[in-house]
Amino acid sequence: MKTNLSSEQASFVVRLAWEDRTSFEEIRERTGFVESQVIDLMRRELKPSSFRCWRKRVSGRVTKHRKLLELRLKG
């Protein structure tokens, strides 16, 4: 995990993670962070209640997972 992030880099990843239309795959392509690393970063950077709210929103959300989105568009 990239632990020596600047506050600007961490803010960029958090902003991407909050966006519903930015998939975890796109976040990985743009920042190098895989989904589990994004979750860890969000847990560190957000207040506990904000983190829970975010996790509830992205869990199973089709647009956050490219493969789920592709399956939904095909079917």
C-alpha atoms as a PDB file:
ATOM      1  CA  MET A   1       0.000   0.000   0.000  1.00  0.00           C
ATOM      2  CA  LYS A   2       1.211   3.474  -0.797  1.00  0.00           C
ATOM      3  CA  THR A   3       1.572   4.976   2.662  1.00  0.00           C
ATOM      4  CA  ASN A   4       3.502   8.101   1.739  1.00  0.00           C
ATOM      5  CA  LEU A   5       0.705   9.849  -0.128  1.00  0.00           C
ATOM      6  CA  SER A   6       0.468  13.595  -0.096  1.00  0.00           C
ATOM      7  CA  SER A   7      -2.813  15.054   1.093  1.00  0.00           C
ATOM      8  CA  GLU A   8      -3.550  16.058  -2.522  1.00  0.00           C
ATOM      9  CA  GLN A   9      -3.060  12.482  -3.745  1.00  0.00           C
ATOM     10  CA  ALA A  10      -5.234  11.078  -0.970  1.00  0.00           C
ATOM     11  CA  SER A  11      -7.921  13.670  -1.723  1.00  0.00           C
ATOM     12  CA  PHE A  12      -7.835  12.726  -5.404  1.00  0.00           C
ATOM     13  CA  VAL A  13      -8.381   9.028  -4.634  1.00  0.00           C
ATOM     14  CA  VAL A  14     -11.172   9.864  -2.157  1.00  0.00           C
ATOM     15  CA  ARG A  15     -12.865  12.083  -4.750  1.00  0.00           C
ATOM     16  CA  LEU A  16     -12.699   9.331  -7.371  1.00  0.00           C
ATOM     17  CA  ALA A  17     -14.063   6.796  -4.892  1.00  0.00           C
ATOM     18  CA  TRP A  18     -17.037   9.040  -4.008  1.00  0.00           C
ATOM     19  CA  GLU A  19     -18.007   9.440  -7.669  1.00  0.00           C
ATOM     20  CA  ASP A  20     -20.642   6.871  -8.575  1.00  0.00           C
ATOM     21  CA  ARG A  21     -19.595   6.681 -12.216  1.00  0.00           C
ATOM     22  CA  THR A  22     -15.884   6.056 -11.540  1.00  0.00           C
ATOM     23  CA  SER A  23     -15.341   2.301 -11.326  1.00  0.00           C
ATOM     24  CA  PHE A  24     -12.730   0.674  -9.111  1.00  0.00           C
ATOM     25  CA  GLU A  25     -11.022  -0.519 -12.289  1.00  0.00           C
ATOM     26  CA  GLU A  26     -10.715   3.063 -13.510  1.00  0.00           C
ATOM     27  CA  ILE A  27      -9.372   4.146 -10.115  1.00  0.00           C
ATOM     28  CA  ARG A  28      -6.735   1.391 -10.405  1.00  0.00           C
ATOM     29  CA  GLU A  29      -5.789   2.543 -13.919  1.00  0.00           C
ATOM     30  CA  ARG A  30      -5.492   6.201 -12.863  1.00  0.00           C
ATOM     31  CA  THR A  31      -3.895   5.810  -9.412  1.00  0.00           C
ATOM     32  CA  GLY A  32      -2.555   2.264  -9.067  1.00  0.00           C
ATOM     33  CA  PHE A  33      -4.853   1.549  -6.109  1.00  0.00           C
ATOM     34  CA  VAL A  34      -6.816  -1.702  -6.200  1.00  0.00           C
ATOM     35  CA  GLU A  35     -10.269  -1.894  -4.604  1.00  0.00           C
ATOM     36  CA  SER A  36      -9.033  -3.150  -1.222  1.00  0.00           C
ATOM     37  CA  GLN A  37      -6.481  -0.315  -1.043  1.00  0.00           C
ATOM     38  CA  VAL A  38      -9.183   2.243  -1.878  1.00  0.00           C
ATOM     39  CA  ILE A  39     -11.339   0.823   0.922  1.00  0.00           C
ATOM     40  CA  ASP A  40      -8.425   1.028   3.384  1.00  0.00           C
ATOM     41  CA  LEU A  41      -7.688   4.613   2.328  1.00  0.00           C
ATOM     42  CA  MET A  42     -11.347   5.604   2.670  1.00  0.00           C
ATOM     43  CA  ARG A  43     -11.465   4.007   6.128  1.00  0.00           C
ATOM     44  CA  ARG A  44      -8.429   6.086   7.186  1.00  0.00           C
ATOM     45  CA  GLU A  45      -9.468   9.381   5.575  1.00  0.00           C
ATOM     46  CA  LEU A  46     -13.191   9.504   6.364  1.00  0.00           C
ATOM     47  CA  LYS A  47     -15.082   9.786   9.617  1.00  0.00           C
ATOM     48  CA  PRO A  48     -16.496   6.391  10.638  1.00  0.00           C
ATOM     49  CA  SER A  49     -20.071   7.393   9.795  1.00  0.00           C
ATOM     50  CA  SER A  50     -19.019   8.746   6.392  1.00  0.00           C
ATOM     51  CA  PHE A  51     -17.093   5.560   5.671  1.00  0.00           C
ATOM     52  CA  ARG A  52     -20.139   3.414   6.532  1.00  0.00           C
ATOM     53  CA  CYS A  53     -22.322   5.589   4.288  1.00  0.00           C
ATOM     54  CA  TRP A  54     -19.851   5.260   1.411  1.00  0.00           C
ATOM     55  CA  ARG A  55     -19.522   1.476   1.819  1.00  0.00           C
ATOM     56  CA  LYS A  56     -23.290   1.093   1.835  1.00  0.00           C
ATOM     57  CA  ARG A  57     -23.510   3.126  -1.389  1.00  0.00           C
ATOM     58  CA  VAL A  58     -20.785   1.305  -3.321  1.00  0.00           C
ATOM     59  CA  SER A  59     -21.503  -2.254  -2.178  1.00  0.00           C
ATOM     60  CA  GLY A  60     -22.975  -3.975  -5.176  1.00  0.00           C
ATOM     61  CA  ARG A  61     -23.331  -0.720  -7.124  1.00  0.00           C
ATOM     62  CA  VAL A  62     -23.136  -1.656 -10.775  1.00  0.00           C
ATOM     63  CA  THR A  63     -21.246   1.470 -11.854  1.00  0.00           C
ATOM     64  CA  LYS A  64     -18.424   0.905  -9.335  1.00  0.00           C
ATOM     65  CA  HIS A  65     -17.600  -2.506 -10.816  1.00  0.00           C
ATOM     66  CA  ARG A  66     -16.945  -2.577 -14.550  1.00  0.00           C
ATOM     67  CA  LYS A  67     -17.792  -6.277 -14.965  1.00  0.00           C
ATOM     68  CA  LEU A  68     -21.158  -5.857 -13.246  1.00  0.00           C
ATOM     69  CA  LEU A  69     -21.908  -2.889 -15.477  1.00  0.00           C
ATOM     70  CA  GLU A  70     -20.987  -4.818 -18.626  1.00  0.00           C
ATOM     71  CA  LEU A  71     -23.211  -7.731 -17.572  1.00  0.00           C
ATOM     72  CA  ARG A  72     -26.102  -5.363 -16.856  1.00  0.00           C
ATOM     73  CA  LEU A  73     -25.747  -3.647 -20.238  1.00  0.00           C
ATOM     74  CA  LYS A  74     -25.618  -6.966 -22.113  1.00  0.00           C
ATOM     75  CA  GLY A  75     -28.642  -8.472 -20.369  1.00  0.00           C
END
